[in-house]
Amino acid sequence: MAEPPLMLQAIYGGTFDPIHYGHLNSVTALAEQISLSQVIIMPNNVPPHRPQPEASSEQRKRMVELAIADKPLFTLDCRELKRATPSWTVETLEQIRAEKGHLQPLAFIIGQDSLLSLAHWHRWEELLSLCHLLVCQRPNYPLTMETPELQQWLVTHRTHSTEPLHQQPAGKIFIAPTPLYDIAATTIRKRLASGQSCDNLVPAPVLNFIHQQHLYR
């Protein structure tokens, strides 16, 4: 009997300080659009491109656990939280690719803002040899790369069909017409610090945990 085809798996990395509906809803919409059955949420410990998180690694891990407890689409991978060194995406993907084999269709989910700054990432040119890139649209961002050469790179690798994402292990960029959720963790932290409500921005179990831990005060 022939082996069943390998299902596309996607990884969603970030600081998640805190995790919020902008993260969850956009990725859920993406999963529906491209028939994803599993999204691995991977919080990072030492983000190389942004300020350090306010919440501890353990607190951010717990917030993700609470946010996805009733959402079977999502699983949690804590490998980056165990690192004391910067979380370089390409190195994590090399590790996952070695674990899953060279045939496994694998994708990494980023926002449109990250796509536009991708050329500043560590060994960014190697990313598409390891995975596909799934890009969630963000409000008020263009779809033009920094240089003509990078724009040509995007055009060369972009697919408007979801089929190659499932049929090939890596190498494609898919820009998903996901709903535009204008929710930012920065805004949530500011609202919490000033005592404003975040009920419609953060899942209730996460919000309860934030209050219990006296976070973002």
Protein backbone atom coordinates (compact mmCIF):
# COMPACT_ATOMS: atom_id res chain seq x y z
CA MET A 1 0.00 0.00 0.00
CA ALA A 2 1.15 3.52 -0.76
CA GLU A 3 2.11 5.74 2.15
CA PRO A 4 -0.52 8.40 2.94
CA PRO A 5 0.59 11.90 1.92
CA LEU A 6 2.25 13.95 4.62
CA MET A 7 0.02 16.73 5.97
CA LEU A 8 1.26 20.31 5.78
CA GLN A 9 2.37 21.52 9.22
CA ALA A 10 2.81 25.19 10.06
CA ILE A 11 4.82 26.89 12.78
CA TYR A 12 3.80 30.22 14.25
CA GLY A 13 6.56 31.95 16.20
CA GLY A 14 6.45 35.11 18.23
CA THR A 15 6.89 36.75 21.58
CA PHE A 16 3.20 36.41 22.58
CA ASP A 17 3.53 39.08 25.28
CA PRO A 18 0.58 38.50 25.64
CA ILE A 19 -1.09 36.20 23.12
CA HIS A 20 -4.30 37.84 21.83
CA TYR A 21 -7.18 37.48 19.37
CA GLY A 22 -5.15 39.11 16.60
CA HIS A 23 -2.78 36.13 16.76
CA LEU A 24 -5.44 33.46 17.13
CA ASN A 25 -8.10 34.73 14.74
CA SER A 26 -5.80 35.56 11.82
CA VAL A 27 -4.07 32.17 12.00
CA THR A 28 -7.41 30.34 12.35
CA ALA A 29 -8.63 32.13 9.20
CA LEU A 30 -5.36 31.22 7.45
CA ALA A 31 -5.78 27.57 8.46
CA GLU A 32 -9.28 27.50 6.97
CA GLN A 33 -8.11 29.09 3.72
CA ILE A 34 -5.33 26.61 3.06
CA SER A 35 -6.71 23.50 4.83
CA LEU A 36 -4.18 23.42 7.66
CA SER A 37 -4.89 20.78 10.26
CA GLN A 38 -2.09 21.70 12.67
CA VAL A 39 -0.42 24.94 13.73
CA ILE A 40 2.50 24.74 16.16
CA ILE A 41 2.76 27.86 18.32
CA MET A 42 6.39 28.51 19.24
CA PRO A 43 7.05 31.34 21.71
CA ASN A 44 10.60 32.68 21.59
CA ASN A 45 12.78 33.45 24.58
CA VAL A 46 15.26 36.06 23.37
CA PRO A 47 13.80 37.76 20.27
CA PRO A 48 16.74 39.14 18.26
CA HIS A 49 14.84 41.92 16.46
CA ARG A 50 12.74 43.51 19.22
CA PRO A 51 12.73 44.57 22.90
CA GLN A 52 12.73 41.79 25.48
CA PRO A 53 9.31 40.58 26.66
CA GLU A 54 7.78 42.01 29.84
CA ALA A 55 6.33 38.65 30.93
CA SER A 56 8.69 35.80 31.79
CA SER A 57 9.11 32.74 29.56
CA GLU A 58 7.05 30.66 31.97
CA GLN A 59 4.25 33.25 32.08
CA ARG A 60 4.10 33.55 28.30
CA LYS A 61 4.09 29.76 27.96
CA ARG A 62 1.18 29.55 30.41
CA MET A 63 -0.76 32.26 28.55
CA VAL A 64 -0.42 30.34 25.28
CA GLU A 65 -1.55 27.12 27.02
CA LEU A 66 -4.63 28.88 28.36
CA ALA A 67 -5.42 30.51 25.00
CA ILE A 68 -5.31 27.25 23.01
CA ALA A 69 -6.75 24.82 25.58
CA ASP A 70 -10.07 24.60 23.70
CA LYS A 71 -8.61 24.98 20.18
CA PRO A 72 -7.48 21.62 18.70
CA LEU A 73 -5.90 23.37 15.69
CA PHE A 74 -3.04 24.57 17.91
CA THR A 75 -0.22 22.79 19.71
CA LEU A 76 2.62 24.31 21.72
CA ASP A 77 6.36 23.85 21.15
CA CYS A 78 8.57 25.26 23.91
CA ARG A 79 12.01 24.57 22.45
CA GLU A 80 12.88 28.24 21.92
CA LEU A 81 11.86 29.16 25.46
CA LYS A 82 14.58 26.83 26.74
CA ARG A 83 17.32 28.76 24.94
CA ALA A 84 19.30 31.51 26.62
CA THR A 85 20.68 32.65 23.25
CA PRO A 86 18.78 34.60 20.55
CA SER A 87 16.05 32.64 18.77
CA TRP A 88 17.20 32.61 15.16
CA THR A 89 14.31 31.26 13.09
CA VAL A 90 16.54 29.60 10.51
CA GLU A 91 18.32 27.53 13.17
CA THR A 92 15.04 26.40 14.73
CA LEU A 93 13.72 25.43 11.29
CA GLU A 94 16.90 23.45 10.58
CA GLN A 95 16.29 21.51 13.77
CA ILE A 96 12.62 20.84 12.96
CA ARG A 97 13.44 19.89 9.37
CA ALA A 98 15.99 17.35 10.66
CA GLU A 99 13.33 15.87 12.96
CA LYS A 100 10.57 15.66 10.36
CA GLY A 101 12.61 14.62 7.33
CA HIS A 102 13.14 16.26 3.96
CA LEU A 103 9.72 15.31 2.51
CA GLN A 104 7.46 16.82 5.18
CA PRO A 105 5.60 19.92 3.89
CA LEU A 106 6.50 22.58 6.43
CA ALA A 107 5.51 26.24 6.66
CA PHE A 108 6.39 29.20 8.84
CA ILE A 109 3.71 31.83 9.49
CA ILE A 110 4.71 35.50 9.54
CA GLY A 111 2.94 38.84 9.34
CA GLN A 112 3.17 41.12 6.34
CA ASP A 113 5.42 43.45 8.34
CA SER A 114 7.90 40.59 8.85
CA LEU A 115 7.89 39.75 5.14
CA LEU A 116 8.86 43.33 4.30
CA SER A 117 11.81 43.23 6.74
CA LEU A 118 12.82 39.63 6.02
CA ALA A 119 16.12 40.60 4.38
CA HIS A 120 17.31 41.76 7.81
CA TRP A 121 16.80 38.31 9.36
CA HIS A 122 19.73 36.02 10.15
CA ARG A 123 20.51 33.81 7.08
CA TRP A 124 17.15 34.75 5.58
CA GLU A 125 18.11 33.47 2.13
CA GLU A 126 18.03 29.91 3.49
CA LEU A 127 14.49 30.03 4.87
CA LEU A 128 12.75 28.86 1.70
CA SER A 129 15.04 25.84 1.48
CA LEU A 130 13.58 24.75 4.81
CA CYS A 131 9.92 25.78 4.65
CA HIS A 132 7.17 27.67 2.87
CA LEU A 133 6.30 31.15 4.14
CA LEU A 134 2.66 31.85 4.93
CA VAL A 135 2.05 35.58 5.22
CA CYS A 136 -0.91 37.05 7.10
CA GLN A 137 -1.94 40.46 5.86
CA ARG A 138 -1.54 43.39 8.25
CA PRO A 139 -3.37 46.74 8.16
CA ASN A 140 -1.55 49.66 6.51
CA TYR A 141 1.38 47.68 5.09
CA PRO A 142 2.30 47.68 1.39
CA LEU A 143 3.23 44.61 -0.61
CA THR A 144 6.38 46.15 -2.03
CA MET A 145 9.76 44.91 -0.88
CA GLU A 146 12.70 47.23 -0.07
CA THR A 147 14.56 46.77 -3.36
CA PRO A 148 13.77 45.63 -6.94
CA GLU A 149 15.90 42.51 -6.30
CA LEU A 150 13.84 41.56 -3.25
CA GLN A 151 10.62 42.29 -5.12
CA GLN A 152 11.77 39.90 -7.86
CA TRP A 153 12.57 37.29 -5.18
CA LEU A 154 8.99 37.63 -3.90
CA VAL A 155 7.50 37.36 -7.40
CA THR A 156 9.64 34.30 -8.19
CA HIS A 157 8.61 32.34 -5.10
CA ARG A 158 5.04 33.55 -4.61
CA THR A 159 2.20 31.13 -5.30
CA HIS A 160 -1.46 32.10 -5.64
CA SER A 161 -2.47 28.45 -5.37
CA THR A 162 -2.46 26.50 -2.12
CA GLU A 163 -1.68 23.17 -3.83
CA PRO A 164 2.15 23.55 -3.89
CA LEU A 165 2.08 24.19 -0.14
CA HIS A 166 0.75 20.68 0.39
CA GLN A 167 2.64 18.95 -2.42
CA GLN A 168 6.14 20.38 -1.90
CA PRO A 169 8.17 20.37 1.33
CA ALA A 170 9.35 24.00 1.04
CA GLY A 171 10.08 26.91 -1.29
CA LYS A 172 6.85 28.89 -1.74
CA ILE A 173 5.45 32.15 -0.38
CA PHE A 174 1.67 32.39 0.04
CA ILE A 175 0.16 35.75 0.99
CA ALA A 176 -3.14 34.98 2.62
CA PRO A 177 -6.11 37.34 2.34
CA THR A 178 -6.75 36.95 6.07
CA PRO A 179 -9.02 39.42 7.89
CA LEU A 180 -7.14 42.51 8.99
CA TYR A 181 -7.07 42.49 12.80
CA ASP A 182 -5.61 45.75 14.02
CA ILE A 183 -4.66 44.41 17.46
CA ALA A 184 -1.15 44.81 18.85
CA ALA A 185 0.35 43.45 22.06
CA THR A 186 1.85 46.90 22.65
CA THR A 187 -1.62 48.45 22.69
CA ILE A 188 -2.92 45.73 25.01
CA ARG A 189 -0.07 46.28 27.49
CA LYS A 190 -0.73 50.04 27.48
CA ARG A 191 -4.47 49.51 28.02
CA LEU A 192 -3.84 47.13 30.89
CA ALA A 193 -1.33 49.54 32.46
CA SER A 194 -3.94 52.31 32.42
CA GLY A 195 -6.74 50.06 33.72
CA GLN A 196 -8.71 49.91 30.46
CA SER A 197 -10.72 46.85 29.42
CA CYS A 198 -9.20 44.27 27.08
CA ASP A 199 -12.11 41.80 27.16
CA ASN A 200 -12.55 41.87 23.37
CA LEU A 201 -8.79 41.66 22.67
CA VAL A 202 -7.55 38.80 24.87
CA PRO A 203 -9.19 35.42 25.69
CA ALA A 204 -10.80 35.45 29.14
CA PRO A 205 -8.54 32.73 30.68
CA VAL A 206 -5.45 34.68 29.55
CA LEU A 207 -6.85 37.93 30.93
CA ASN A 208 -7.61 36.26 34.28
CA PHE A 209 -4.03 34.97 34.42
CA ILE A 210 -2.65 38.43 33.62
CA HIS A 211 -4.62 39.91 36.52
CA GLN A 212 -3.62 37.09 38.90
CA GLN A 213 0.05 37.59 38.07
CA HIS A 214 -0.18 41.40 38.17
CA LEU A 215 1.33 41.59 34.71
CA TYR A 216 1.68 44.75 32.57
CA ARG A 217 0.98 47.12 35.47
